[in-house]
Amino acid sequence: MRCYPSKEPLHPLLVPVLLLVSVLLVYYPALLSGLHSIDDPGIISRYAASPPLSQILLPGGSYYYRPLVELSFWLDQRLWGLEPVVMHLENVLLHLANALLVYRIASRCLTKTGSDVLWLPLCPALLFALHPLNVEAVAWIAGRTDPILALFALSGCLFLLRWLEDARWRDALLAVFFFTLAALTKETAVALLPVSMLLVLMWPAGPGSPSRSARVRIVVGTLLAAVLFALSLLAFKQELMALRRFLTADAFTPLQAAIQLATALGFYVWKAFFPFPLNFAITEVSPWHALVALAGGVALALALKRRHFPALFFACAALLIAPALLLAVKNISWTPYAERYLYLPTAFISLGVGSMLPSPCQKGRLWIVPPLVVLLLFLGVASRQRAALWQDKIGFFQDAIVKSPRFGSLYNEIGVLLLQDNSVDAAARAFTSAERLNRRPAMDSLIRFNIMSTILAKGDYIGARNYFTVLFPAKEKAPVAFLELLQKADGLRLASLSAAERAGLSRDMMESFALLYRQTKDPFWLYREGQLARELKLYPQALELFRKAYQEAPADASYRLATRKQISGLEGMK
């Protein structure tokens, strides 16, 4: 095997080309996976409406304040009309850029470990690029937040390490700049503060490095600035409601909180090194993972005490996992645990593993090459299979249900897909399971809406009305979505009724249309109410409804011309 010492550099395009080919081979199926039923449709709907840029960039426009992520979706709408293939390609290219950054950081580490082999940093870059845990963040359009966060975080760390080795203030300013962009991407970037302080204190000194006292002053000053910034955030109310909820205390005893945090940490540590089985909906983990956290913590502390260089990267990864631990305790996200939360930590874990690898150029170390190749091939195949599964929406949720059979929301999601596929009976069974297993009050209304939709899809119009009546004995209490389903079911029944039954149901439908208009202020419902009033020969009421509908209808409304004709016809009857 040929080794490349530092005085004989590789072609500058070799590493980018190798990483590009590897990433595209693994993630090509993701380009054709379309929209995921969770979050992706909401993104498309929000940005298809072309929200003003001020709403994107200023706080208060959405639950999270993530202006740079929102800006990327806003640009997707402006540049290529939210085309899913292009949006998936962006995610893949972001992942490629992050793999290149891992390579650049690993290259700087070689001088600290004494290795002179330039291709060796490719190993941690490939390990990160092919790690199966990263598929969720890359293959899911809504998962873009984590690759963008990693792009800025890794860039900031790269410039920070350059500053620590040569003390050029331009690099320090660029590090602060990229860390600021990371904070504007995702609120969990707060973990970069302890990471950067750890690197400042423990990164090995070089000829041009800042002095020890200078490093301590920087850490103390940064910590004080961060505390002031955190206190100022608490003054916000609606503008940062997600962050405020994240920071508020819960009713846990210190022991309970410690056990939950240790369990979550142990799970993520185990998952980073043993990622299988992959699961999109991780709702519970074994408490025995707390022992993994305990053992890992002791080993890491000993390694850091001995200035073991790879331990520095593992410690950074542990700090970056910390926000995910709080999410697991507070359970404020779709699932308390998620593979995508390990996207940025896996970059540092890959760097730690890479810095432990011996150089195969050293005598007797050639044995390391075959196992590395086999491992990377295995990870690449597993990641490609996982990326391909994102194309099969029903198969994807079936896989998640097998691994999390007690998570009701999964049955609701697969039920929606089955209903879209006209598998009505299977959808009905899925929604029934969703209602039985659901433990999230926020999902109750959606699941019941879907149950009523399946009853309607079966053609059981009376059954749909009866189900509505059970849910809402007082029609006025029903949400808009249920009222719309009710009027649809009633409208489909009309043709099969006798004249007397038809008249009674028409009056009931007029009441539904009136409620819909009252709740939505959409004049279309006035038009529909007017149609029924005319059929019932309530001509003065129909004329009044049509006139109001015509006045309030948008100029391009499809029913506006028909409304004008109805008005003319009724006025001619006087």
Protein backbone atom coordinates (compact mmCIF):
# COMPACT_ATOMS: atom_id res chain seq x y z
CA MET A 1 0.00 0.00 0.00
CA ARG A 2 1.23 3.46 -0.83
CA CYS A 3 1.19 6.15 1.88
CA TYR A 4 1.05 9.89 1.24
CA PRO A 5 3.25 12.00 3.51
CA SER A 6 2.45 15.66 4.01
CA LYS A 7 5.09 16.74 1.49
CA GLU A 8 3.34 14.75 -1.28
CA PRO A 9 -0.27 15.97 -1.31
CA LEU A 10 -3.14 14.24 -3.03
CA HIS A 11 -4.92 15.82 -5.94
CA PRO A 12 -7.19 18.49 -4.34
CA LEU A 13 -10.30 17.10 -6.05
CA LEU A 14 -9.79 13.46 -5.07
CA VAL A 15 -11.40 13.63 -1.61
CA PRO A 16 -14.41 15.77 -2.70
CA VAL A 17 -15.03 13.42 -5.64
CA LEU A 18 -14.82 10.31 -3.43
CA LEU A 19 -17.21 11.81 -0.89
CA LEU A 20 -19.55 13.04 -3.63
CA VAL A 21 -19.75 9.59 -5.22
CA SER A 22 -20.26 7.90 -1.85
CA VAL A 23 -23.01 10.29 -0.73
CA LEU A 24 -24.87 10.16 -4.06
CA LEU A 25 -24.71 6.36 -4.22
CA VAL A 26 -26.26 6.14 -0.76
CA TYR A 27 -28.79 8.97 -0.97
CA TYR A 28 -29.91 8.81 -4.59
CA PRO A 29 -33.20 7.06 -3.60
CA ALA A 30 -34.02 9.97 -1.28
CA LEU A 31 -34.25 12.32 -4.26
CA LEU A 32 -37.35 10.48 -5.43
CA SER A 33 -39.03 10.01 -2.05
CA GLY A 34 -41.40 12.98 -2.47
CA LEU A 35 -43.13 14.47 0.54
CA HIS A 36 -43.33 12.76 3.90
CA SER A 37 -46.76 12.94 5.51
CA ILE A 38 -45.32 14.38 8.75
CA ASP A 39 -44.40 18.07 8.58
CA ASP A 40 -43.50 18.17 4.86
CA PRO A 41 -47.06 19.08 3.68
CA GLY A 42 -47.16 21.84 6.30
CA ILE A 43 -43.90 23.26 4.97
CA ILE A 44 -45.17 23.22 1.40
CA SER A 45 -48.48 24.82 2.40
CA ARG A 46 -46.83 27.56 4.46
CA TYR A 47 -44.28 28.64 1.87
CA ALA A 48 -46.51 28.14 -1.17
CA ALA A 49 -48.49 31.07 0.23
CA SER A 50 -45.37 33.26 -0.25
CA PRO A 51 -45.12 34.71 3.27
CA PRO A 52 -43.32 38.09 3.41
CA LEU A 53 -39.62 37.97 4.15
CA SER A 54 -40.15 40.00 7.33
CA GLN A 55 -42.38 37.22 8.67
CA ILE A 56 -39.57 34.75 7.98
CA LEU A 57 -36.74 36.71 9.55
CA LEU A 58 -38.41 38.36 12.55
CA PRO A 59 -39.44 36.51 15.77
CA GLY A 60 -43.06 35.64 16.38
CA GLY A 61 -43.94 34.23 12.95
CA SER A 62 -43.98 30.57 14.03
CA TYR A 63 -43.58 28.27 17.03
CA TYR A 64 -39.80 28.05 16.63
CA TYR A 65 -37.53 30.95 15.80
CA ARG A 66 -35.33 29.37 13.12
CA PRO A 67 -34.99 32.13 10.54
CA LEU A 68 -32.23 30.55 8.45
CA VAL A 69 -34.10 27.28 8.03
CA GLU A 70 -37.24 29.19 7.13
CA LEU A 71 -35.23 31.34 4.73
CA SER A 72 -34.06 28.20 2.92
CA PHE A 73 -37.67 27.08 2.38
CA TRP A 74 -38.65 30.62 1.37
CA LEU A 75 -35.91 30.55 -1.28
CA ASP A 76 -37.09 27.10 -2.41
CA GLN A 77 -40.46 28.64 -3.22
CA ARG A 78 -38.94 31.62 -4.99
CA LEU A 79 -36.34 29.72 -7.01
CA TRP A 80 -37.96 26.41 -7.99
CA GLY A 81 -41.50 26.40 -6.69
CA LEU A 82 -40.91 23.97 -3.79
CA GLU A 83 -40.07 21.11 -6.14
CA PRO A 84 -39.51 18.09 -3.84
CA VAL A 85 -36.69 16.58 -5.92
CA VAL A 86 -34.68 19.80 -5.70
CA MET A 87 -35.41 20.17 -1.99
CA HIS A 88 -34.17 16.63 -1.37
CA LEU A 89 -31.08 17.37 -3.46
CA GLU A 90 -30.37 20.37 -1.24
CA ASN A 91 -30.42 18.12 1.82
CA VAL A 92 -28.03 15.68 0.16
CA LEU A 93 -25.64 18.49 -0.85
CA LEU A 94 -25.73 19.87 2.69
CA HIS A 95 -24.76 16.43 3.94
CA LEU A 96 -21.91 16.31 1.44
CA ALA A 97 -20.68 19.72 2.60
CA ASN A 98 -20.73 18.54 6.21
CA ALA A 99 -18.75 15.43 5.31
CA LEU A 100 -16.15 17.67 3.67
CA LEU A 101 -15.98 19.79 6.82
CA VAL A 102 -15.41 16.65 8.89
CA TYR A 103 -12.54 15.82 6.53
CA ARG A 104 -11.03 19.29 6.96
CA ILE A 105 -11.24 19.12 10.75
CA ALA A 106 -9.81 15.58 10.73
CA SER A 107 -6.92 16.79 8.60
CA ARG A 108 -6.02 19.34 11.27
CA CYS A 109 -6.09 16.61 13.88
CA LEU A 110 -3.36 14.63 12.12
CA THR A 111 -0.74 17.11 13.23
CA LYS A 112 -1.85 16.52 16.84
CA THR A 113 -1.76 12.72 16.62
CA GLY A 114 1.58 12.61 14.81
CA SER A 115 0.28 10.96 11.63
CA ASP A 116 1.55 12.08 8.25
CA VAL A 117 -0.91 10.16 6.07
CA LEU A 118 -3.17 12.56 4.23
CA TRP A 119 -5.84 10.07 3.17
CA LEU A 120 -6.44 8.93 6.76
CA PRO A 121 -8.89 11.83 7.48
CA LEU A 122 -11.09 10.37 4.77
CA CYS A 123 -12.07 7.58 7.19
CA PRO A 124 -13.99 9.77 9.69
CA ALA A 125 -15.46 11.75 6.79
CA LEU A 126 -16.79 8.55 5.21
CA LEU A 127 -17.92 7.23 8.58
CA PHE A 128 -20.01 10.38 9.04
CA ALA A 129 -21.22 10.43 5.42
CA LEU A 130 -22.38 6.79 5.54
CA HIS A 131 -23.63 6.57 9.13
CA PRO A 132 -27.17 5.12 9.08
CA LEU A 133 -28.37 7.42 11.89
CA ASN A 134 -28.00 10.38 9.53
CA VAL A 135 -30.49 9.11 6.97
CA GLU A 136 -33.46 10.57 8.81
CA ALA A 137 -32.04 14.11 8.79
CA VAL A 138 -31.02 13.89 5.11
CA ALA A 139 -33.90 11.96 3.50
CA TRP A 140 -36.65 13.98 5.21
CA ILE A 141 -37.27 17.48 3.87
CA ALA A 142 -38.36 18.66 7.32
CA GLY A 143 -35.15 17.20 8.75
CA ARG A 144 -33.10 19.85 6.96
CA THR A 145 -32.71 21.80 10.20
CA ASP A 146 -29.98 19.49 11.49
CA PRO A 147 -27.77 19.48 8.34
CA ILE A 148 -27.92 23.29 8.19
CA LEU A 149 -27.08 23.49 11.89
CA ALA A 150 -24.15 21.12 11.34
CA LEU A 151 -22.91 23.17 8.39
CA PHE A 152 -22.55 26.29 10.53
CA ALA A 153 -21.41 24.47 13.67
CA LEU A 154 -18.65 22.52 11.92
CA SER A 155 -17.55 25.64 10.04
CA GLY A 156 -17.36 27.54 13.33
CA CYS A 157 -15.34 24.75 14.94
CA LEU A 158 -12.95 24.63 11.99
CA PHE A 159 -12.18 28.35 12.26
CA LEU A 160 -11.98 28.08 16.05
CA LEU A 161 -9.32 25.37 15.74
CA ARG A 162 -7.44 27.47 13.22
CA TRP A 163 -7.47 30.36 15.68
CA LEU A 164 -6.29 28.14 18.52
CA GLU A 165 -3.32 27.06 16.43
CA ASP A 166 -2.31 30.43 15.00
CA ALA A 167 -4.22 33.12 16.98
CA ARG A 168 -5.33 35.07 13.91
CA TRP A 169 -8.29 37.19 14.91
CA ARG A 170 -9.86 36.85 11.49
CA ASP A 171 -10.38 33.16 12.25
CA ALA A 172 -11.84 34.02 15.67
CA LEU A 173 -14.33 36.43 14.08
CA LEU A 174 -15.31 33.85 11.48
CA ALA A 175 -15.84 31.28 14.24
CA VAL A 176 -18.15 33.67 16.10
CA PHE A 177 -19.95 34.46 12.82
CA PHE A 178 -20.68 30.81 12.04
CA PHE A 179 -21.69 30.02 15.62
CA THR A 180 -24.15 32.92 15.41
CA LEU A 181 -25.60 31.49 12.20
CA ALA A 182 -25.95 28.14 13.98
CA ALA A 183 -27.90 29.84 16.77
CA LEU A 184 -30.22 31.34 14.14
CA THR A 185 -30.75 27.87 12.69
CA LYS A 186 -31.81 25.86 15.72
CA GLU A 187 -32.10 26.68 19.41
CA THR A 188 -30.13 23.55 20.37
CA ALA A 189 -27.04 25.36 19.07
CA VAL A 190 -26.75 26.57 22.67
CA ALA A 191 -24.72 23.37 23.20
CA LEU A 192 -22.00 24.85 21.00
CA LEU A 193 -21.13 27.21 23.85
CA PRO A 194 -19.71 24.50 26.17
CA VAL A 195 -18.23 22.72 23.15
CA SER A 196 -16.28 25.79 22.09
CA MET A 197 -15.15 26.45 25.68
CA LEU A 198 -13.96 22.85 26.00
CA LEU A 199 -11.97 23.15 22.79
CA VAL A 200 -10.48 26.47 23.89
CA LEU A 201 -9.32 24.99 27.20
CA MET A 202 -8.11 21.59 26.01
CA TRP A 203 -6.99 21.88 22.39
CA PRO A 204 -3.23 21.20 22.31
CA ALA A 205 -1.11 24.36 22.11
CA GLY A 206 0.94 25.19 19.05
CA PRO A 207 3.69 27.75 18.32
CA GLY A 208 1.18 30.51 17.60
CA SER A 209 -1.50 29.47 20.11
CA PRO A 210 -3.02 31.89 22.64
CA SER A 211 -1.59 31.61 26.14
CA ARG A 212 -3.36 29.60 28.83
CA SER A 213 -4.43 32.77 30.68
CA ALA A 214 -5.80 34.26 27.46
CA ARG A 215 -7.85 31.13 26.86
CA VAL A 216 -9.29 31.27 30.39
CA ARG A 217 -10.22 34.95 29.98
CA ILE A 218 -11.98 34.15 26.71
CA VAL A 219 -13.97 31.32 28.30
CA VAL A 220 -15.03 33.43 31.30
CA GLY A 221 -16.01 36.37 29.10
CA THR A 222 -17.97 34.14 26.73
CA LEU A 223 -19.76 32.47 29.63
CA LEU A 224 -20.81 35.81 31.14
CA ALA A 225 -22.08 37.04 27.76
CA ALA A 226 -24.04 33.81 27.33
CA VAL A 227 -25.67 34.17 30.76
CA LEU A 228 -26.76 37.74 29.96
CA PHE A 229 -28.11 36.60 26.61
CA ALA A 230 -30.08 33.75 28.24
CA LEU A 231 -31.59 36.15 30.79
CA SER A 232 -32.66 38.50 28.02
CA LEU A 233 -34.40 35.62 26.20
CA LEU A 234 -36.55 34.94 29.24
CA ALA A 235 -38.02 38.42 28.84
CA PHE A 236 -39.69 37.36 25.59
CA LYS A 237 -43.16 35.86 25.62
CA GLN A 238 -44.81 34.73 22.41
CA GLU A 239 -41.77 35.45 20.24
CA LEU A 240 -39.77 32.56 21.68
CA MET A 241 -42.47 30.39 23.17
CA ALA A 242 -40.75 27.13 22.16
CA LEU A 243 -37.55 28.14 23.92
CA ARG A 244 -39.46 29.29 27.00
CA ARG A 245 -41.23 25.96 27.18
CA PHE A 246 -37.87 24.25 26.78
CA LEU A 247 -36.42 26.21 29.72
CA THR A 248 -39.33 25.94 32.16
CA ALA A 249 -39.10 23.46 35.00
CA ASP A 250 -41.13 20.27 35.25
CA ALA A 251 -42.49 18.45 38.28
CA PHE A 252 -39.60 15.97 38.60
CA THR A 253 -37.63 15.12 41.70
CA PRO A 254 -33.85 15.47 41.24
CA LEU A 255 -33.49 11.68 41.34
CA GLN A 256 -36.19 11.13 38.70
CA ALA A 257 -34.67 13.76 36.44
CA ALA A 258 -31.19 12.27 36.85
CA ILE A 259 -32.41 8.77 35.98
CA GLN A 260 -34.27 9.99 32.90
CA LEU A 261 -31.32 12.05 31.72
CA ALA A 262 -28.91 9.15 32.25
CA THR A 263 -31.25 6.76 30.43
CA ALA A 264 -31.54 9.08 27.45
CA LEU A 265 -27.79 9.70 27.35
CA GLY A 266 -27.01 6.00 27.54
CA PHE A 267 -29.48 5.30 24.77
CA TYR A 268 -27.94 7.89 22.46
CA VAL A 269 -24.40 6.71 23.22
CA TRP A 270 -25.39 3.13 22.47
CA LYS A 271 -27.30 4.19 19.36
CA ALA A 272 -24.32 6.13 17.98
CA PHE A 273 -22.13 3.01 17.99
CA PHE A 274 -24.85 0.38 17.47
CA PRO A 275 -27.52 2.17 15.41
CA PHE A 276 -29.75 -0.79 14.58
CA PRO A 277 -32.66 -1.15 14.49
CA LEU A 278 -33.33 2.17 12.80
CA ASN A 279 -36.66 3.64 13.82
CA PHE A 280 -38.41 6.89 12.94
CA ALA A 281 -40.67 6.80 16.00
CA ILE A 282 -38.70 5.96 19.15
CA THR A 283 -41.09 6.44 22.05
CA GLU A 284 -39.48 4.50 24.89
CA VAL A 285 -36.10 3.03 25.75
CA SER A 286 -34.84 0.59 28.35
CA PRO A 287 -33.78 2.11 31.69
CA TRP A 288 -30.73 -0.17 31.53
CA HIS A 289 -29.23 2.38 29.15
CA ALA A 290 -28.45 4.46 32.24
CA LEU A 291 -25.65 1.97 32.98
CA VAL A 292 -24.19 2.70 29.54
CA ALA A 293 -24.19 6.41 30.41
CA LEU A 294 -22.52 5.71 33.74
CA ALA A 295 -19.80 3.51 32.24
CA GLY A 296 -19.26 5.87 29.34
CA GLY A 297 -19.05 8.88 31.65
CA VAL A 298 -16.41 7.26 33.84
CA ALA A 299 -14.35 6.15 30.83
CA LEU A 300 -14.59 9.60 29.23
CA ALA A 301 -13.60 11.38 32.45
CA LEU A 302 -10.51 9.17 32.83
CA ALA A 303 -9.55 9.68 29.20
CA LEU A 304 -9.91 13.46 29.48
CA LYS A 305 -7.83 13.48 32.68
CA ARG A 306 -5.05 11.72 30.81
CA ARG A 307 -5.36 14.20 27.91
CA HIS A 308 -6.35 11.38 25.56
CA PHE A 309 -6.86 13.27 22.32
CA PRO A 310 -9.88 11.33 20.87
CA ALA A 311 -11.71 11.81 24.18
CA LEU A 312 -11.91 15.53 23.43
CA PHE A 313 -14.14 14.84 20.42
CA PHE A 314 -16.23 12.30 22.33
CA ALA A 315 -16.75 14.89 25.07
CA CYS A 316 -17.87 17.44 22.45
CA ALA A 317 -20.34 14.88 21.09
CA ALA A 318 -21.72 14.27 24.60
CA LEU A 319 -22.24 18.00 25.10
CA LEU A 320 -24.03 18.26 21.75
CA ILE A 321 -26.37 15.43 22.79
CA ALA A 322 -27.42 17.38 25.91
CA PRO A 323 -30.37 19.27 24.31
CA ALA A 324 -31.78 15.96 23.08
CA LEU A 325 -31.69 14.69 26.66
CA LEU A 326 -33.87 17.57 27.82
CA LEU A 327 -36.29 16.90 24.96
CA ALA A 328 -36.54 13.30 26.11
CA VAL A 329 -37.38 14.41 29.65
CA LYS A 330 -39.84 17.14 28.65
CA ASN A 331 -41.38 15.16 25.75
CA ILE A 332 -42.33 18.31 23.81
CA SER A 333 -41.58 16.94 20.33
CA TRP A 334 -43.33 14.37 18.13
CA THR A 335 -41.32 11.61 19.78
CA PRO A 336 -39.15 11.92 22.90
CA TYR A 337 -36.20 10.32 21.08
CA ALA A 338 -35.08 10.76 17.48
CA GLU A 339 -32.19 9.58 15.34
CA ARG A 340 -31.84 12.99 13.69
CA TYR A 341 -30.81 14.51 17.03
CA LEU A 342 -27.53 12.62 16.64
CA TYR A 343 -26.70 14.15 13.25
CA LEU A 344 -24.20 16.73 14.55
CA PRO A 345 -22.90 14.52 17.42
CA THR A 346 -22.06 11.76 14.93
CA ALA A 347 -19.68 14.19 13.21
CA PHE A 348 -17.67 14.53 16.42
CA ILE A 349 -17.97 10.81 17.21
CA SER A 350 -16.58 10.10 13.74
CA LEU A 351 -13.71 12.49 14.43
CA GLY A 352 -13.02 10.76 17.74
CA VAL A 353 -13.02 7.32 16.14
CA GLY A 354 -10.88 8.59 13.26
CA SER A 355 -8.26 10.05 15.58
CA MET A 356 -7.93 6.65 17.28
CA LEU A 357 -7.11 4.81 14.06
CA PRO A 358 -3.50 3.77 13.67
CA SER A 359 -1.71 4.69 10.47
CA PRO A 360 -1.53 1.65 8.17
CA CYS A 361 1.81 2.97 6.96
CA GLN A 362 3.32 2.02 10.29
CA LYS A 363 4.87 -1.42 10.43
CA GLY A 364 2.38 -4.14 11.31
CA ARG A 365 -0.67 -1.86 11.01
CA LEU A 366 -1.83 -2.84 7.53
CA TRP A 367 -4.42 -5.16 9.06
CA ILE A 368 -6.63 -2.15 9.83
CA VAL A 369 -7.53 -1.57 6.16
CA PRO A 370 -9.80 -4.61 5.39
CA PRO A 371 -12.01 -4.22 8.49
CA LEU A 372 -12.39 -0.50 7.77
CA VAL A 373 -13.43 -1.14 4.18
CA VAL A 374 -15.91 -3.83 5.25
CA LEU A 375 -17.37 -1.56 7.94
CA LEU A 376 -17.80 1.38 5.56
CA LEU A 377 -19.38 -0.84 2.91
CA PHE A 378 -21.78 -2.28 5.48
CA LEU A 379 -22.79 1.18 6.70
CA GLY A 380 -23.21 2.42 3.13
CA VAL A 381 -25.48 -0.49 2.18
CA ALA A 382 -27.56 -0.08 5.35
CA SER A 383 -27.95 3.67 4.76
CA ARG A 384 -28.94 3.16 1.13
CA GLN A 385 -31.58 0.60 2.12
CA ARG A 386 -32.92 3.02 4.72
CA ALA A 387 -32.97 5.89 2.20
CA ALA A 388 -34.85 3.65 -0.25
CA LEU A 389 -37.44 2.84 2.44
CA TRP A 390 -38.37 6.55 2.55
CA GLN A 391 -39.76 6.11 -0.98
CA ASP A 392 -42.27 3.50 0.20
CA LYS A 393 -44.48 5.57 2.48
CA ILE A 394 -46.72 2.73 3.64
CA GLY A 395 -43.77 0.39 4.08
CA PHE A 396 -41.97 3.09 6.05
CA PHE A 397 -44.76 3.37 8.62
CA GLN A 398 -45.28 -0.38 8.72
CA ASP A 399 -41.60 -0.68 9.63
CA ALA A 400 -42.02 1.94 12.38
CA ILE A 401 -45.15 0.20 13.73
CA VAL A 402 -43.27 -3.10 14.04
CA LYS A 403 -40.63 -1.33 16.14
CA SER A 404 -43.02 0.93 18.10
CA PRO A 405 -46.34 -0.95 18.15
CA ARG A 406 -47.86 1.14 20.95
CA PHE A 407 -47.44 4.55 19.31
CA GLY A 408 -50.92 5.60 18.17
CA SER A 409 -49.77 8.42 15.88
CA LEU A 410 -48.09 5.90 13.56
CA TYR A 411 -51.40 4.14 12.93
CA ASN A 412 -52.99 7.48 12.12
CA GLU A 413 -50.27 8.27 9.58
CA ILE A 414 -50.48 4.91 7.84
CA GLY A 415 -54.27 5.18 7.89
CA VAL A 416 -54.10 8.44 5.95
CA LEU A 417 -51.85 6.84 3.34
CA LEU A 418 -54.13 3.79 3.05
CA LEU A 419 -57.15 6.04 2.64
CA GLN A 420 -55.38 7.93 -0.13
CA ASP A 421 -54.68 4.54 -1.72
CA ASN A 422 -58.42 3.69 -1.55
CA SER A 423 -57.75 0.88 0.95
CA VAL A 424 -60.67 2.07 3.04
CA ASP A 425 -61.15 -0.99 5.24
CA ALA A 426 -57.45 -1.16 6.11
CA ALA A 427 -57.48 2.58 6.81
CA ALA A 428 -60.46 2.18 9.12
CA ARG A 429 -58.65 -0.51 11.10
CA ALA A 430 -55.56 1.69 11.35
CA PHE A 431 -57.57 4.67 12.64
CA THR A 432 -59.32 2.45 15.18
CA SER A 433 -55.92 1.33 16.46
CA ALA A 434 -54.76 4.94 16.50
CA GLU A 435 -57.70 6.00 18.66
CA ARG A 436 -57.20 3.07 21.05
CA LEU A 437 -53.45 3.62 21.48
CA ASN A 438 -53.26 7.39 21.33
CA ARG A 439 -51.84 9.08 24.44
CA ARG A 440 -51.51 12.55 22.97
CA PRO A 441 -54.59 14.74 23.53
CA ALA A 442 -53.54 16.99 20.64
CA MET A 443 -54.07 14.05 18.26
CA ASP A 444 -57.60 13.17 19.41
CA SER A 445 -59.43 15.52 17.07
CA LEU A 446 -57.34 14.58 14.02
CA ILE A 447 -57.82 10.85 14.57
CA ARG A 448 -61.59 11.27 14.98
CA PHE A 449 -61.73 13.39 11.84
CA ASN A 450 -59.98 10.58 9.97
CA ILE A 451 -62.39 7.99 11.38
CA MET A 452 -65.32 10.06 10.15
CA SER A 453 -63.59 10.37 6.76
CA THR A 454 -63.36 6.58 6.43
CA ILE A 455 -67.04 6.20 7.31
CA LEU A 456 -67.81 8.70 4.57
CA ALA A 457 -65.45 6.97 2.13
CA LYS A 458 -67.36 3.71 2.67
CA GLY A 459 -70.53 5.45 1.51
CA ASP A 460 -72.14 5.22 4.94
CA TYR A 461 -73.51 8.77 4.96
CA ILE A 462 -75.94 8.18 7.82
CA GLY A 463 -73.12 6.56 9.81
CA ALA A 464 -70.95 9.63 9.25
CA ARG A 465 -73.74 11.89 10.53
CA ASN A 466 -74.35 9.67 13.54
CA TYR A 467 -70.63 9.67 14.39
CA PHE A 468 -70.62 13.48 14.12
CA THR A 469 -73.61 13.71 16.45
CA VAL A 470 -71.91 11.52 19.05
CA LEU A 471 -68.84 13.76 18.96
CA PHE A 472 -70.74 17.05 18.90
CA PRO A 473 -74.28 16.90 20.35
CA ALA A 474 -74.35 20.67 19.82
CA LYS A 475 -73.41 21.37 16.21
CA GLU A 476 -72.17 24.84 17.16
CA LYS A 477 -69.26 23.25 19.05
CA ALA A 478 -67.92 21.41 16.00
CA PRO A 479 -64.69 22.58 14.32
CA VAL A 480 -64.76 23.65 10.68
CA ALA A 481 -63.19 20.43 9.37
CA PHE A 482 -65.95 18.28 10.92
CA LEU A 483 -68.69 20.62 9.66
CA GLU A 484 -67.29 20.34 6.16
CA LEU A 485 -67.36 16.54 6.38
CA LEU A 486 -70.92 16.65 7.70
CA GLN A 487 -72.21 18.85 4.89
CA LYS A 488 -70.46 16.60 2.36
CA ALA A 489 -72.10 13.48 3.81
CA ASP A 490 -75.49 15.19 3.92
CA GLY A 491 -75.12 16.49 0.37
CA LEU A 492 -74.46 12.99 -0.92
CA ARG A 493 -77.62 11.73 0.81
CA LEU A 494 -79.99 14.30 -0.66
CA ALA A 495 -80.63 12.62 -4.00
CA SER A 496 -81.84 9.38 -2.35
CA LEU A 497 -84.43 11.03 -0.04
CA SER A 498 -88.13 11.65 -0.42
CA ALA A 499 -89.31 15.23 -0.91
CA ALA A 500 -90.20 15.68 2.78
CA GLU A 501 -86.94 14.14 3.99
CA ARG A 502 -85.01 16.19 1.47
CA ALA A 503 -86.58 19.42 2.72
CA GLY A 504 -85.76 18.60 6.34
CA LEU A 505 -82.14 17.71 5.57
CA SER A 506 -81.77 20.82 3.39
CA ARG A 507 -82.77 23.04 6.30
CA ASP A 508 -80.25 21.23 8.49
CA MET A 509 -77.57 21.76 5.85
CA MET A 510 -78.41 25.46 5.67
CA GLU A 511 -77.65 25.61 9.36
CA SER A 512 -74.30 23.90 8.72
CA PHE A 513 -73.48 26.39 5.96
CA ALA A 514 -74.35 29.28 8.24
CA LEU A 515 -72.03 27.91 10.93
CA LEU A 516 -69.26 27.42 8.39
CA TYR A 517 -69.59 31.01 7.21
CA ARG A 518 -69.63 32.27 10.77
CA GLN A 519 -66.38 30.43 11.56
CA THR A 520 -64.49 30.97 8.29
CA LYS A 521 -66.01 34.19 6.85
CA ASP A 522 -65.81 32.46 3.46
CA PRO A 523 -68.68 33.76 1.25
CA PHE A 524 -68.77 30.45 -0.61
CA TRP A 525 -70.85 29.06 2.24
CA LEU A 526 -73.35 31.91 1.79
CA TYR A 527 -73.63 30.88 -1.86
CA ARG A 528 -74.26 27.24 -0.89
CA GLU A 529 -76.83 28.27 1.71
CA GLY A 530 -78.53 30.44 -0.91
CA GLN A 531 -78.76 27.49 -3.30
CA LEU A 532 -80.62 25.42 -0.72
CA ALA A 533 -82.85 28.34 0.23
CA ARG A 534 -83.89 28.67 -3.43
CA GLU A 535 -84.61 24.94 -3.68
CA LEU A 536 -86.85 25.30 -0.61
CA LYS A 537 -88.53 28.28 -2.34
CA LEU A 538 -87.38 30.66 0.36
CA TYR A 539 -86.81 33.28 -2.33
CA PRO A 540 -86.35 36.45 -0.22
CA GLN A 541 -83.83 34.67 2.02
CA ALA A 542 -82.05 33.19 -1.01
CA LEU A 543 -81.81 36.60 -2.68
CA GLU A 544 -80.32 38.14 0.46
CA LEU A 545 -77.78 35.33 0.78
CA PHE A 546 -76.74 35.55 -2.89
CA ARG A 547 -76.34 39.33 -2.71
CA LYS A 548 -74.13 39.07 0.36
CA ALA A 549 -72.09 36.27 -1.20
CA TYR A 550 -71.59 38.34 -4.38
CA GLN A 551 -70.46 41.39 -2.42
CA GLU A 552 -67.93 39.46 -0.36
CA ALA A 553 -66.66 37.00 -2.98
CA PRO A 554 -63.17 37.59 -4.42
CA ALA A 555 -63.18 38.91 -7.98
CA ASP A 556 -61.70 35.64 -9.30
CA ALA A 557 -64.01 33.32 -7.31
CA SER A 558 -65.32 30.49 -9.49
CA TYR A 559 -68.87 30.84 -8.14
CA ARG A 560 -69.14 34.63 -8.52
CA LEU A 561 -70.67 34.56 -12.02
CA ALA A 562 -73.17 31.89 -10.95
CA THR A 563 -74.10 34.05 -7.96
CA ARG A 564 -74.77 37.01 -10.25
CA LYS A 565 -77.06 34.87 -12.41
CA GLN A 566 -78.94 33.66 -9.33
CA ILE A 567 -79.45 37.26 -8.22
CA SER A 568 -80.75 38.24 -11.66
CA GLY A 569 -83.12 35.29 -11.75
CA LEU A 570 -84.55 35.97 -8.31
CA GLU A 571 -84.92 39.69 -8.97
CA GLY A 572 -86.83 38.84 -12.18
CA MET A 573 -89.33 36.82 -10.16
CA LYS A 574 -90.52 39.91 -8.25
